Amino acid sequence: MTTLATEPLADTIAARLTAALTPTRLHVSNDSAQHAGHMGDDGTGESHFSVDVESAAFAGLNRVARQRLVNKALADLLETRIHALAIKARAPGE
């Protein structure tokens, strides 16, 4: 999937996770300002993110399997634009 550089990366992350996981709750946070000047900061202000996602797709899966689903949805971005991604993933009711 091609991502235009003009779209905020947090919006792209949210769109990808929405399409892949149909979440009941999703919050994407750009944490890059907290890491300005640190290793991995590419100067774009879009390198470090946190996601908090609730989806029925996670039911019955352990933490690692849930994180793998998130990483799969964002695979190309993790290779090229995202330096760090903190993930909180849970099924509804947890």
PDB file of N, CA and C in Angstrom:
ATOM      1  N   MET A   1       0.847  -1.168   0.000  1.00  0.00           N
ATOM      2  CA  MET A   1       0.000   0.000   0.000  1.00  0.00           C
ATOM      3  C   MET A   1       0.895   1.234   0.000  1.00  0.00           C
ATOM      4  N   THR A   2       0.625   2.159  -0.868  1.00  0.00           N
ATOM      5  CA  THR A   2       1.394   3.386  -0.958  1.00  0.00           C
ATOM      6  C   THR A   2       0.809   4.436  -0.023  1.00  0.00           C
ATOM      7  N   THR A   3       1.689   5.121   0.669  1.00  0.00           N
ATOM      8  CA  THR A   3       1.266   6.167   1.589  1.00  0.00           C
ATOM      9  C   THR A   3       1.829   7.490   1.124  1.00  0.00           C
ATOM     10  N   LEU A   4       0.974   8.487   0.964  1.00  0.00           N
ATOM     11  CA  LEU A   4       1.437   9.813   0.585  1.00  0.00           C
ATOM     12  C   LEU A   4       2.096  10.470   1.782  1.00  0.00           C
ATOM     13  N   ALA A   5       3.236  11.093   1.554  1.00  0.00           N
ATOM     14  CA  ALA A   5       3.972  11.734   2.641  1.00  0.00           C
ATOM     15  C   ALA A   5       3.209  12.922   3.216  1.00  0.00           C
ATOM     16  N   THR A   6       2.217  13.438   2.482  1.00  0.00           N
ATOM     17  CA  THR A   6       1.464  14.595   2.960  1.00  0.00           C
ATOM     18  C   THR A   6       0.411  14.216   4.004  1.00  0.00           C
ATOM     19  N   GLU A   7       0.050  12.956   4.087  1.00  0.00           N
ATOM     20  CA  GLU A   7      -0.925  12.503   5.082  1.00  0.00           C
ATOM     21  C   GLU A   7      -0.200  12.245   6.403  1.00  0.00           C
ATOM     22  N   PRO A   8      -0.710  12.755   7.515  1.00  0.00           N
ATOM     23  CA  PRO A   8      -0.056  12.466   8.796  1.00  0.00           C
ATOM     24  C   PRO A   8       0.047  10.957   9.014  1.00  0.00           C
ATOM     25  N   LEU A   9       1.205  10.509   9.432  1.00  0.00           N
ATOM     26  CA  LEU A   9       1.435   9.079   9.592  1.00  0.00           C
ATOM     27  C   LEU A   9       0.488   8.462  10.617  1.00  0.00           C
ATOM     28  N   ALA A  10       0.119   9.192  11.647  1.00  0.00           N
ATOM     29  CA  ALA A  10      -0.837   8.666  12.630  1.00  0.00           C
ATOM     30  C   ALA A  10      -2.172   8.334  11.963  1.00  0.00           C
ATOM     31  N   ASP A  11      -2.586   9.152  11.001  1.00  0.00           N
ATOM     32  CA  ASP A  11      -3.831   8.884  10.269  1.00  0.00           C
ATOM     33  C   ASP A  11      -3.694   7.635   9.410  1.00  0.00           C
ATOM     34  N   THR A  12      -2.538   7.462   8.801  1.00  0.00           N
ATOM     35  CA  THR A  12      -2.287   6.277   7.982  1.00  0.00           C
ATOM     36  C   THR A  12      -2.303   5.027   8.850  1.00  0.00           C
ATOM     37  N   ILE A  13      -1.666   5.100  10.005  1.00  0.00           N
ATOM     38  CA  ILE A  13      -1.654   3.968  10.934  1.00  0.00           C
ATOM     39  C   ILE A  13      -3.081   3.617  11.342  1.00  0.00           C
ATOM     40  N   ALA A  14      -3.868   4.607  11.698  1.00  0.00           N
ATOM     41  CA  ALA A  14      -5.257   4.372  12.102  1.00  0.00           C
ATOM     42  C   ALA A  14      -6.064   3.740  10.974  1.00  0.00           C
ATOM     43  N   ALA A  15      -5.889   4.227   9.760  1.00  0.00           N
ATOM     44  CA  ALA A  15      -6.625   3.678   8.616  1.00  0.00           C
ATOM     45  C   ALA A  15      -6.239   2.226   8.366  1.00  0.00           C
ATOM     46  N   ARG A  16      -4.956   1.925   8.442  1.00  0.00           N
ATOM     47  CA  ARG A  16      -4.491   0.553   8.227  1.00  0.00           C
ATOM     48  C   ARG A  16      -5.046  -0.397   9.284  1.00  0.00           C
ATOM     49  N   LEU A  17      -4.984   0.018  10.538  1.00  0.00           N
ATOM     50  CA  LEU A  17      -5.469  -0.847  11.612  1.00  0.00           C
ATOM     51  C   LEU A  17      -6.982  -1.005  11.559  1.00  0.00           C
ATOM     52  N   THR A  18      -7.681   0.034  11.165  1.00  0.00           N
ATOM     53  CA  THR A  18      -9.135  -0.052  11.010  1.00  0.00           C
ATOM     54  C   THR A  18      -9.494  -1.054   9.919  1.00  0.00           C
ATOM     55  N   ALA A  19      -8.801  -0.993   8.799  1.00  0.00           N
ATOM     56  CA  ALA A  19      -9.072  -1.913   7.692  1.00  0.00           C
ATOM     57  C   ALA A  19      -8.726  -3.357   8.056  1.00  0.00           C
ATOM     58  N   ALA A  20      -7.639  -3.557   8.765  1.00  0.00           N
ATOM     59  CA  ALA A  20      -7.176  -4.910   9.062  1.00  0.00           C
ATOM     60  C   ALA A  20      -7.887  -5.558  10.244  1.00  0.00           C
ATOM     61  N   LEU A  21      -8.275  -4.761  11.241  1.00  0.00           N
ATOM     62  CA  LEU A  21      -8.752  -5.336  12.499  1.00  0.00           C
ATOM     63  C   LEU A  21     -10.185  -4.976  12.878  1.00  0.00           C
ATOM     64  N   THR A  22     -10.818  -4.067  12.156  1.00  0.00           N
ATOM     65  CA  THR A  22     -12.157  -3.591  12.490  1.00  0.00           C
ATOM     66  C   THR A  22     -12.281  -3.361  14.006  1.00  0.00           C
ATOM     67  N   PRO A  23     -11.491  -2.463  14.542  1.00  0.00           N
ATOM     68  CA  PRO A  23     -11.473  -2.281  15.994  1.00  0.00           C
ATOM     69  C   PRO A  23     -12.746  -1.644  16.550  1.00  0.00           C
ATOM     70  N   THR A  24     -13.049  -1.996  17.798  1.00  0.00           N
ATOM     71  CA  THR A  24     -14.138  -1.343  18.515  1.00  0.00           C
ATOM     72  C   THR A  24     -13.612  -0.109  19.242  1.00  0.00           C
ATOM     73  N   ARG A  25     -12.308  -0.049  19.419  1.00  0.00           N
ATOM     74  CA  ARG A  25     -11.643   1.105  20.038  1.00  0.00           C
ATOM     75  C   ARG A  25     -10.251   1.208  19.436  1.00  0.00           C
ATOM     76  N   LEU A  26      -9.856   2.427  19.092  1.00  0.00           N
ATOM     77  CA  LEU A  26      -8.523   2.639  18.526  1.00  0.00           C
ATOM     78  C   LEU A  26      -8.046   4.038  18.861  1.00  0.00           C
ATOM     79  N   HIS A  27      -6.847   4.109  19.401  1.00  0.00           N
ATOM     80  CA  HIS A  27      -6.211   5.400  19.660  1.00  0.00           C
ATOM     81  C   HIS A  27      -4.766   5.301  19.193  1.00  0.00           C
ATOM     82  N   VAL A  28      -4.368   6.205  18.320  1.00  0.00           N
ATOM     83  CA  VAL A  28      -2.992   6.272  17.831  1.00  0.00           C
ATOM     84  C   VAL A  28      -2.391   7.571  18.340  1.00  0.00           C
ATOM     85  N   SER A  29      -1.235   7.463  18.959  1.00  0.00           N
ATOM     86  CA  SER A  29      -0.561   8.631  19.518  1.00  0.00           C
ATOM     87  C   SER A  29       0.825   8.783  18.898  1.00  0.00           C
ATOM     88  N   ASN A  30       1.132   9.990  18.433  1.00  0.00           N
ATOM     89  CA  ASN A  30       2.460  10.300  17.916  1.00  0.00           C
ATOM     90  C   ASN A  30       3.315  10.745  19.103  1.00  0.00           C
ATOM     91  N   ASP A  31       4.259   9.909  19.487  1.00  0.00           N
ATOM     92  CA  ASP A  31       5.121  10.174  20.637  1.00  0.00           C
ATOM     93  C   ASP A  31       6.486  10.716  20.225  1.00  0.00           C
ATOM     94  N   SER A  32       6.639  11.095  18.979  1.00  0.00           N
ATOM     95  CA  SER A  32       7.941  11.479  18.433  1.00  0.00           C
ATOM     96  C   SER A  32       8.582  12.657  19.156  1.00  0.00           C
ATOM     97  N   ALA A  33       7.796  13.620  19.594  1.00  0.00           N
ATOM     98  CA  ALA A  33       8.359  14.804  20.259  1.00  0.00           C
ATOM     99  C   ALA A  33       9.124  14.423  21.525  1.00  0.00           C
ATOM    100  N   GLN A  34       8.716  13.342  22.162  1.00  0.00           N
ATOM    101  CA  GLN A  34       9.397  12.881  23.374  1.00  0.00           C
ATOM    102  C   GLN A  34      10.770  12.297  23.064  1.00  0.00           C
ATOM    103  N   HIS A  35      11.021  12.024  21.781  1.00  0.00           N
ATOM    104  CA  HIS A  35      12.263  11.371  21.371  1.00  0.00           C
ATOM    105  C   HIS A  35      13.101  12.238  20.437  1.00  0.00           C
ATOM    106  N   ALA A  36      12.775  13.510  20.335  1.00  0.00           N
ATOM    107  CA  ALA A  36      13.515  14.423  19.457  1.00  0.00           C
ATOM    108  C   ALA A  36      14.993  14.408  19.831  1.00  0.00           C
ATOM    109  N   GLY A  37      15.823  14.224  18.828  1.00  0.00           N
ATOM    110  CA  GLY A  37      17.263  14.196  19.035  1.00  0.00           C
ATOM    111  C   GLY A  37      17.807  12.841  19.444  1.00  0.00           C
ATOM    112  N   HIS A  38      16.929  11.881  19.717  1.00  0.00           N
ATOM    113  CA  HIS A  38      17.367  10.537  20.091  1.00  0.00           C
ATOM    114  C   HIS A  38      17.624   9.702  18.846  1.00  0.00           C
ATOM    115  N   MET A  39      18.279   8.582  19.034  1.00  0.00           N
ATOM    116  CA  MET A  39      18.484   7.645  17.936  1.00  0.00           C
ATOM    117  C   MET A  39      17.117   7.243  17.378  1.00  0.00           C
ATOM    118  N   GLY A  40      17.007   7.197  16.088  1.00  0.00           N
ATOM    119  CA  GLY A  40      15.750   6.833  15.444  1.00  0.00           C
ATOM    120  C   GLY A  40      14.900   8.025  15.075  1.00  0.00           C
ATOM    121  N   ASP A  41      15.233   9.196  15.592  1.00  0.00           N
ATOM    122  CA  ASP A  41      14.509  10.412  15.221  1.00  0.00           C
ATOM    123  C   ASP A  41      15.031  10.862  13.868  1.00  0.00           C
ATOM    124  N   ASP A  42      14.173  10.786  12.862  1.00  0.00           N
ATOM    125  CA  ASP A  42      14.602  11.150  11.506  1.00  0.00           C
ATOM    126  C   ASP A  42      14.346  12.616  11.178  1.00  0.00           C
ATOM    127  N   GLY A  43      13.866  13.375  12.139  1.00  0.00           N
ATOM    128  CA  GLY A  43      13.634  14.795  11.926  1.00  0.00           C
ATOM    129  C   GLY A  43      12.271  15.132  11.351  1.00  0.00           C
ATOM    130  N   THR A  44      11.470  14.128  11.010  1.00  0.00           N
ATOM    131  CA  THR A  44      10.149  14.377  10.430  1.00  0.00           C
ATOM    132  C   THR A  44       9.095  14.645  11.494  1.00  0.00           C
ATOM    133  N   GLY A  45       9.388  14.272  12.724  1.00  0.00           N
ATOM    134  CA  GLY A  45       8.388  14.384  13.779  1.00  0.00           C
ATOM    135  C   GLY A  45       7.384  13.253  13.722  1.00  0.00           C
ATOM    136  N   GLU A  46       7.697  12.218  12.949  1.00  0.00           N
ATOM    137  CA  GLU A  46       6.805  11.062  12.799  1.00  0.00           C
ATOM    138  C   GLU A  46       7.630   9.778  12.789  1.00  0.00           C
ATOM    139  N   SER A  47       8.144   9.397  13.951  1.00  0.00           N
ATOM    140  CA  SER A  47       8.979   8.201  14.017  1.00  0.00           C
ATOM    141  C   SER A  47       8.603   7.265  15.166  1.00  0.00           C
ATOM    142  N   HIS A  48       7.998   7.784  16.213  1.00  0.00           N
ATOM    143  CA  HIS A  48       7.661   7.010  17.403  1.00  0.00           C
ATOM    144  C   HIS A  48       6.152   7.110  17.666  1.00  0.00           C
ATOM    145  N   PHE A  49       5.495   5.960  17.769  1.00  0.00           N
ATOM    146  CA  PHE A  49       4.043   5.931  17.937  1.00  0.00           C
ATOM    147  C   PHE A  49       3.627   4.921  18.996  1.00  0.00           C
ATOM    148  N   SER A  50       2.447   5.158  19.560  1.00  0.00           N
ATOM    149  CA  SER A  50       1.790   4.211  20.454  1.00  0.00           C
ATOM    150  C   SER A  50       0.404   3.943  19.891  1.00  0.00           C
ATOM    151  N   VAL A  51      -0.026   2.692  19.957  1.00  0.00           N
ATOM    152  CA  VAL A  51      -1.394   2.362  19.567  1.00  0.00           C
ATOM    153  C   VAL A  51      -2.060   1.606  20.712  1.00  0.00           C
ATOM    154  N   ASP A  52      -3.309   1.935  20.941  1.00  0.00           N
ATOM    155  CA  ASP A  52      -4.152   1.249  21.913  1.00  0.00           C
ATOM    156  C   ASP A  52      -5.358   0.782  21.111  1.00  0.00           C
ATOM    157  N   VAL A  53      -5.464  -0.528  20.914  1.00  0.00           N
ATOM    158  CA  VAL A  53      -6.488  -1.050  20.016  1.00  0.00           C
ATOM    159  C   VAL A  53      -7.247  -2.199  20.673  1.00  0.00           C
ATOM    160  N   GLU A  54      -8.562  -2.167  20.513  1.00  0.00           N
ATOM    161  CA  GLU A  54      -9.441  -3.233  20.984  1.00  0.00           C
ATOM    162  C   GLU A  54     -10.151  -3.803  19.766  1.00  0.00           C
ATOM    163  N   SER A  55     -10.049  -5.122  19.595  1.00  0.00           N
ATOM    164  CA  SER A  55     -10.650  -5.753  18.423  1.00  0.00           C
ATOM    165  C   SER A  55     -11.022  -7.199  18.728  1.00  0.00           C
ATOM    166  N   ALA A  56     -12.145  -7.642  18.176  1.00  0.00           N
ATOM    167  CA  ALA A  56     -12.554  -9.038  18.308  1.00  0.00           C
ATOM    168  C   ALA A  56     -11.549  -9.965  17.630  1.00  0.00           C
ATOM    169  N   ALA A  57     -10.756  -9.435  16.712  1.00  0.00           N
ATOM    170  CA  ALA A  57      -9.728 -10.234  16.035  1.00  0.00           C
ATOM    171  C   ALA A  57      -8.687 -10.764  17.018  1.00  0.00           C
ATOM    172  N   PHE A  58      -8.594 -10.162  18.199  1.00  0.00           N
ATOM    173  CA  PHE A  58      -7.610 -10.570  19.194  1.00  0.00           C
ATOM    174  C   PHE A  58      -8.125 -11.649  20.146  1.00  0.00           C
ATOM    175  N   ALA A  59      -9.408 -11.976  20.071  1.00  0.00           N
ATOM    176  CA  ALA A  59      -9.994 -12.960  20.985  1.00  0.00           C
ATOM    177  C   ALA A  59      -9.253 -14.289  20.878  1.00  0.00           C
ATOM    178  N   GLY A  60      -8.852 -14.824  22.020  1.00  0.00           N
ATOM    179  CA  GLY A  60      -8.176 -16.115  22.064  1.00  0.00           C
ATOM    180  C   GLY A  60      -6.703 -16.077  21.710  1.00  0.00           C
ATOM    181  N   LEU A  61      -6.174 -14.905  21.385  1.00  0.00           N
ATOM    182  CA  LEU A  61      -4.762 -14.790  21.018  1.00  0.00           C
ATOM    183  C   LEU A  61      -3.943 -14.266  22.191  1.00  0.00           C
ATOM    184  N   ASN A  62      -2.701 -14.738  22.280  1.00  0.00           N
ATOM    185  CA  ASN A  62      -1.818 -14.210  23.315  1.00  0.00           C
ATOM    186  C   ASN A  62      -1.240 -12.865  22.868  1.00  0.00           C
ATOM    187  N   ARG A  63      -0.510 -12.221  23.763  1.00  0.00           N
ATOM    188  CA  ARG A  63       0.025 -10.878  23.507  1.00  0.00           C
ATOM    189  C   ARG A  63       0.903 -10.832  22.258  1.00  0.00           C
ATOM    190  N   VAL A  64       1.755 -11.820  22.081  1.00  0.00           N
ATOM    191  CA  VAL A  64       2.659 -11.828  20.927  1.00  0.00           C
ATOM    192  C   VAL A  64       1.877 -11.973  19.626  1.00  0.00           C
ATOM    193  N   ALA A  65       0.897 -12.847  19.588  1.00  0.00           N
ATOM    194  CA  ALA A  65       0.088 -13.037  18.381  1.00  0.00           C
ATOM    195  C   ALA A  65      -0.687 -11.765  18.039  1.00  0.00           C
ATOM    196  N   ARG A  66      -1.164 -11.073  19.045  1.00  0.00           N
ATOM    197  CA  ARG A  66      -1.877  -9.810  18.822  1.00  0.00           C
ATOM    198  C   ARG A  66      -0.938  -8.765  18.230  1.00  0.00           C
ATOM    199  N   GLN A  67       0.255  -8.664  18.794  1.00  0.00           N
ATOM    200  CA  GLN A  67       1.227  -7.705  18.276  1.00  0.00           C
ATOM    201  C   GLN A  67       1.627  -8.042  16.843  1.00  0.00           C
ATOM    202  N   ARG A  68       1.703  -9.315  16.538  1.00  0.00           N
ATOM    203  CA  ARG A  68       2.029  -9.720  15.162  1.00  0.00           C
ATOM    204  C   ARG A  68       0.956  -9.268  14.181  1.00  0.00           C
ATOM    205  N   LEU A  69      -0.313  -9.335  14.578  1.00  0.00           N
ATOM    206  CA  LEU A  69      -1.388  -8.854  13.702  1.00  0.00           C
ATOM    207  C   LEU A  69      -1.253  -7.357  13.437  1.00  0.00           C
ATOM    208  N   VAL A  70      -0.940  -6.607  14.470  1.00  0.00           N
ATOM    209  CA  VAL A  70      -0.738  -5.162  14.307  1.00  0.00           C
ATOM    210  C   VAL A  70       0.462  -4.913  13.400  1.00  0.00           C
ATOM    211  N   ASN A  71       1.564  -5.593  13.678  1.00  0.00           N
ATOM    212  CA  ASN A  71       2.772  -5.413  12.870  1.00  0.00           C
ATOM    213  C   ASN A  71       2.553  -5.789  11.411  1.00  0.00           C
ATOM    214  N   LYS A  72       1.761  -6.822  11.162  1.00  0.00           N
ATOM    215  CA  LYS A  72       1.475  -7.232   9.783  1.00  0.00           C
ATOM    216  C   LYS A  72       0.738  -6.127   9.031  1.00  0.00           C
ATOM    217  N   ALA A  73      -0.212  -5.489   9.695  1.00  0.00           N
ATOM    218  CA  ALA A  73      -0.983  -4.415   9.053  1.00  0.00           C
ATOM    219  C   ALA A  73      -0.111  -3.207   8.728  1.00  0.00           C
ATOM    220  N   LEU A  74       0.979  -3.046   9.468  1.00  0.00           N
ATOM    221  CA  LEU A  74       1.849  -1.873   9.303  1.00  0.00           C
ATOM    222  C   LEU A  74       3.233  -2.241   8.776  1.00  0.00           C
ATOM    223  N   ALA A  75       3.381  -3.439   8.226  1.00  0.00           N
ATOM    224  CA  ALA A  75       4.700  -3.983   7.880  1.00  0.00           C
ATOM    225  C   ALA A  75       5.580  -3.040   7.067  1.00  0.00           C
ATOM    226  N   ASP A  76       5.063  -2.494   5.981  1.00  0.00           N
ATOM    227  CA  ASP A  76       5.911  -1.636   5.137  1.00  0.00           C
ATOM    228  C   ASP A  76       6.274  -0.338   5.850  1.00  0.00           C
ATOM    229  N   LEU A  77       5.384   0.169   6.683  1.00  0.00           N
ATOM    230  CA  LEU A  77       5.677   1.395   7.431  1.00  0.00           C
ATOM    231  C   LEU A  77       6.728   1.143   8.508  1.00  0.00           C
ATOM    232  N   LEU A  78       6.702  -0.037   9.107  1.00  0.00           N
ATOM    233  CA  LEU A  78       7.704  -0.385  10.110  1.00  0.00           C
ATOM    234  C   LEU A  78       9.090  -0.506   9.477  1.00  0.00           C
ATOM    235  N   GLU A  79       9.135  -0.889   8.227  1.00  0.00           N
ATOM    236  CA  GLU A  79      10.415  -1.002   7.518  1.00  0.00           C
ATOM    237  C   GLU A  79      10.950   0.349   7.070  1.00  0.00           C
ATOM    238  N   THR A  80      10.048   1.307   6.822  1.00  0.00           N
ATOM    239  CA  THR A  80      10.484   2.552   6.195  1.00  0.00           C
ATOM    240  C   THR A  80      10.275   3.818   7.011  1.00  0.00           C
ATOM    241  N   ARG A  81       9.189   3.922   7.768  1.00  0.00           N
ATOM    242  CA  ARG A  81       8.852   5.207   8.392  1.00  0.00           C
ATOM    243  C   ARG A  81       8.684   5.178   9.901  1.00  0.00           C
ATOM    244  N   ILE A  82       8.330   4.038  10.460  1.00  0.00           N
ATOM    245  CA  ILE A  82       8.117   3.951  11.907  1.00  0.00           C
ATOM    246  C   ILE A  82       9.365   3.361  12.551  1.00  0.00           C
ATOM    247  N   HIS A  83       9.965   4.111  13.469  1.00  0.00           N
ATOM    248  CA  HIS A  83      11.146   3.623  14.184  1.00  0.00           C
ATOM    249  C   HIS A  83      10.741   2.817  15.419  1.00  0.00           C
ATOM    250  N   ALA A  84       9.712   3.268  16.124  1.00  0.00           N
ATOM    251  CA  ALA A  84       9.285   2.594  17.348  1.00  0.00           C
ATOM    252  C   ALA A  84       7.763   2.597  17.437  1.00  0.00           C
ATOM    253  N   LEU A  85       7.215   1.456  17.872  1.00  0.00           N
ATOM    254  CA  LEU A  85       5.769   1.320  17.994  1.00  0.00           C
ATOM    255  C   LEU A  85       5.444   0.584  19.290  1.00  0.00           C
ATOM    256  N   ALA A  86       4.776   1.259  20.204  1.00  0.00           N
ATOM    257  CA  ALA A  86       4.293   0.634  21.437  1.00  0.00           C
ATOM    258  C   ALA A  86       2.862   0.175  21.182  1.00  0.00           C
ATOM    259  N   ILE A  87       2.560  -1.069  21.550  1.00  0.00           N
ATOM    260  CA  ILE A  87       1.258  -1.651  21.229  1.00  0.00           C
ATOM    261  C   ILE A  87       0.553  -2.130  22.495  1.00  0.00           C
ATOM    262  N   LYS A  88      -0.682  -1.668  22.685  1.00  0.00           N
ATOM    263  CA  LYS A  88      -1.601  -2.232  23.673  1.00  0.00           C
ATOM    264  C   LYS A  88      -2.741  -2.808  22.851  1.00  0.00           C
ATOM    265  N   ALA A  89      -2.879  -4.126  22.865  1.00  0.00           N
ATOM    266  CA  ALA A  89      -3.899  -4.790  22.054  1.00  0.00           C
ATOM    267  C   ALA A  89      -4.727  -5.707  22.947  1.00  0.00           C
ATOM    268  N   ARG A  90      -6.052  -5.549  22.873  1.00  0.00           N
ATOM    269  CA  ARG A  90      -6.923  -6.386  23.692  1.00  0.00           C
ATOM    270  C   ARG A  90      -8.219  -6.701  22.945  1.00  0.00           C
ATOM    271  N   ALA A  91      -8.861  -7.777  23.383  1.00  0.00           N
ATOM    272  CA  ALA A  91     -10.160  -8.157  22.846  1.00  0.00           C
ATOM    273  C   ALA A  91     -11.239  -7.425  23.647  1.00  0.00           C
ATOM    274  N   PRO A  92     -12.431  -7.243  23.077  1.00  0.00           N
ATOM    275  CA  PRO A  92     -13.517  -6.598  23.817  1.00  0.00           C
ATOM    276  C   PRO A  92     -13.787  -7.330  25.138  1.00  0.00           C
ATOM    277  N   GLY A  93     -14.026  -6.555  26.175  1.00  0.00           N
ATOM    278  CA  GLY A  93     -14.321  -7.133  27.474  1.00  0.00           C
ATOM    279  C   GLY A  93     -13.110  -7.390  28.349  1.00  0.00           C
ATOM    280  N   GLU A  94     -11.937  -7.186  27.820  1.00  0.00           N
ATOM    281  CA  GLU A  94     -10.721  -7.398  28.624  1.00  0.00           C
ATOM    282  C   GLU A  94     -10.342  -6.137  29.376  1.00  0.00           C
TER     283      GLU A  94
END
